[in-house]
């Protein structure tokens, strides 16, 4: 291994970027930790400092209203210099992708698993 490979390996291990949990079938991002990308409104990890879930929604059509006390919903998610290759992702507070897609009904089946029951 050269020095760059060793650095990358160590960084992935220390930051848990290389960790992928088995959350079942789905998008390639599912179970992976999102890296700290630069969004229109700042760095991704800065948005996660509150220890809440985060719904990054490029469609603007999704809703996590019943979980607003536990999940932040961000619609202006354009990644500076690149694009997110999925319409929306639901992130756990640790930054791992709990759901990816664009179907509201599918999102509603995944929100309770990670964030409990909806509040009316």
Protein backbone atom coordinates (compact mmCIF):
# COMPACT_ATOMS: atom_id res chain seq x y z
CA UNK A 1 0.00 0.00 0.00
CA UNK A 2 1.20 3.48 -0.72
CA UNK A 3 0.90 6.35 1.76
CA UNK A 4 -2.27 7.77 0.16
CA UNK A 5 -4.06 4.41 0.38
CA UNK A 6 -3.11 4.06 4.04
CA UNK A 7 -4.38 7.59 4.78
CA UNK A 8 -7.69 6.92 3.02
CA UNK A 9 -8.11 3.60 4.85
CA UNK A 10 -7.43 5.18 8.25
CA UNK A 11 -9.73 8.15 7.59
CA UNK A 12 -12.56 5.83 6.53
CA UNK A 13 -12.14 3.73 9.66
CA UNK A 14 -11.86 6.66 12.08
CA UNK A 15 -14.83 8.58 10.62
CA UNK A 16 -16.99 5.46 10.04
CA UNK A 17 -17.47 6.48 6.40
CA UNK A 18 -16.57 2.89 5.44
CA UNK A 19 -19.23 1.42 7.75
CA UNK A 20 -22.35 0.17 6.02
CA UNK A 21 -25.20 -1.16 8.12
CA UNK A 22 -27.58 -3.71 6.64
CA UNK A 23 -30.87 -1.83 6.50
CA UNK A 24 -32.28 -4.18 3.86
CA UNK A 25 -32.82 -3.78 0.13
CA UNK A 26 -32.69 -0.37 -1.48
CA UNK A 27 -30.48 2.37 -2.84
CA UNK A 28 -26.69 1.93 -2.67
CA UNK A 29 -26.50 4.74 -0.08
CA UNK A 30 -28.80 2.88 2.33
CA UNK A 31 -26.92 2.08 5.54
CA UNK A 32 -23.88 4.15 4.57
CA UNK A 33 -22.75 7.27 6.38
CA UNK A 34 -23.14 10.41 4.30
CA UNK A 35 -19.93 12.33 3.92
CA UNK A 36 -19.80 15.98 4.93
CA UNK A 37 -20.79 17.69 1.68
CA UNK A 38 -21.16 21.41 1.15
CA UNK A 39 -24.79 22.43 0.62
CA UNK A 40 -26.31 25.78 -0.35
CA UNK A 41 -26.92 26.53 3.33
CA UNK A 42 -23.59 25.23 4.65
CA UNK A 43 -21.92 21.93 5.48
CA UNK A 44 -24.08 18.84 5.96
CA UNK A 45 -22.58 17.94 9.33
CA UNK A 46 -23.25 21.46 10.62
CA UNK A 47 -26.97 20.84 9.97
CA UNK A 48 -26.73 17.69 12.07
CA UNK A 49 -25.26 19.23 15.24
CA UNK A 50 -28.66 19.19 16.93
CA UNK A 51 -28.67 15.39 17.14
CA UNK A 52 -31.88 15.09 15.13
CA UNK A 53 -32.77 13.17 12.00
CA UNK A 54 -32.47 15.01 8.70
CA UNK A 55 -34.56 14.67 5.54
CA UNK A 56 -32.65 16.08 2.57
CA UNK A 57 -35.39 16.53 -0.03
CA UNK A 58 -34.47 17.69 -3.53
CA UNK A 59 -38.08 17.17 -4.71
CA UNK A 60 -39.73 19.57 -2.27
CA UNK A 61 -42.74 17.21 -2.31
CA UNK A 62 -42.01 15.07 0.73
CA UNK A 63 -43.18 15.64 4.28
CA UNK A 64 -42.03 14.53 7.71
CA UNK A 65 -44.59 16.75 9.46
CA UNK A 66 -45.52 14.16 12.12
CA UNK A 67 -41.86 13.96 13.10
CA UNK A 68 -41.01 17.69 12.99
CA UNK A 69 -39.95 17.52 16.64
CA UNK A 70 -37.32 14.87 15.75
CA UNK A 71 -36.52 15.31 12.05
CA UNK A 72 -35.39 18.47 10.24
CA UNK A 73 -36.69 18.75 6.66
CA UNK A 74 -34.36 20.59 4.28
CA UNK A 75 -35.41 21.25 0.69
CA UNK A 76 -32.63 23.53 -0.60
CA UNK A 77 -30.11 20.70 -0.70
CA UNK A 78 -28.14 21.35 -3.87
CA UNK A 79 -24.64 20.06 -3.22
CA UNK A 80 -22.11 22.65 -4.30
CA UNK A 81 -19.99 21.28 -7.15
CA UNK A 82 -21.86 17.98 -7.52
CA UNK A 83 -25.30 16.42 -7.31
CA UNK A 84 -26.92 14.01 -4.91
CA UNK A 85 -27.79 11.02 -7.09
CA UNK A 86 -31.07 10.33 -5.31
CA UNK A 87 -34.13 12.61 -4.94
CA UNK A 88 -34.15 12.45 -1.13
CA UNK A 89 -32.40 10.81 1.80
CA UNK A 90 -33.41 10.39 5.42
CA UNK A 91 -30.41 10.53 7.72
CA UNK A 92 -30.22 9.19 11.24
CA UNK A 93 -28.58 11.51 13.80
CA UNK A 94 -25.30 9.61 13.30
CA UNK A 95 -25.32 10.49 9.59
CA UNK A 96 -26.19 7.05 8.24
CA UNK A 97 -28.77 6.88 5.45
CA UNK A 98 -31.96 5.30 6.81
CA UNK A 99 -34.01 5.74 3.62
CA UNK A 100 -33.50 6.97 0.06
CA UNK A 101 -36.06 7.64 -2.65
CA UNK A 102 -38.91 9.94 -3.62
CA UNK A 103 -42.07 8.08 -2.57
CA UNK A 104 -43.97 9.71 0.33
CA UNK A 105 -45.74 6.48 1.33
CA UNK A 106 -42.44 4.61 1.41
CA UNK A 107 -40.89 7.38 3.53
CA UNK A 108 -43.82 7.15 5.97
CA UNK A 109 -43.15 3.43 6.47
CA UNK A 110 -39.50 4.13 7.37
CA UNK A 111 -39.84 7.17 9.64
CA UNK A 112 -41.38 5.26 12.60
CA UNK A 113 -38.57 2.66 12.58
CA UNK A 114 -35.94 5.30 13.26
CA UNK A 115 -37.86 8.14 14.91
CA UNK A 116 -40.85 6.58 16.67
CA UNK A 117 -44.53 7.24 16.10
CA UNK A 118 -45.79 10.39 14.41
CA UNK A 119 -47.19 13.17 16.57
CA UNK A 120 -50.55 14.56 15.49
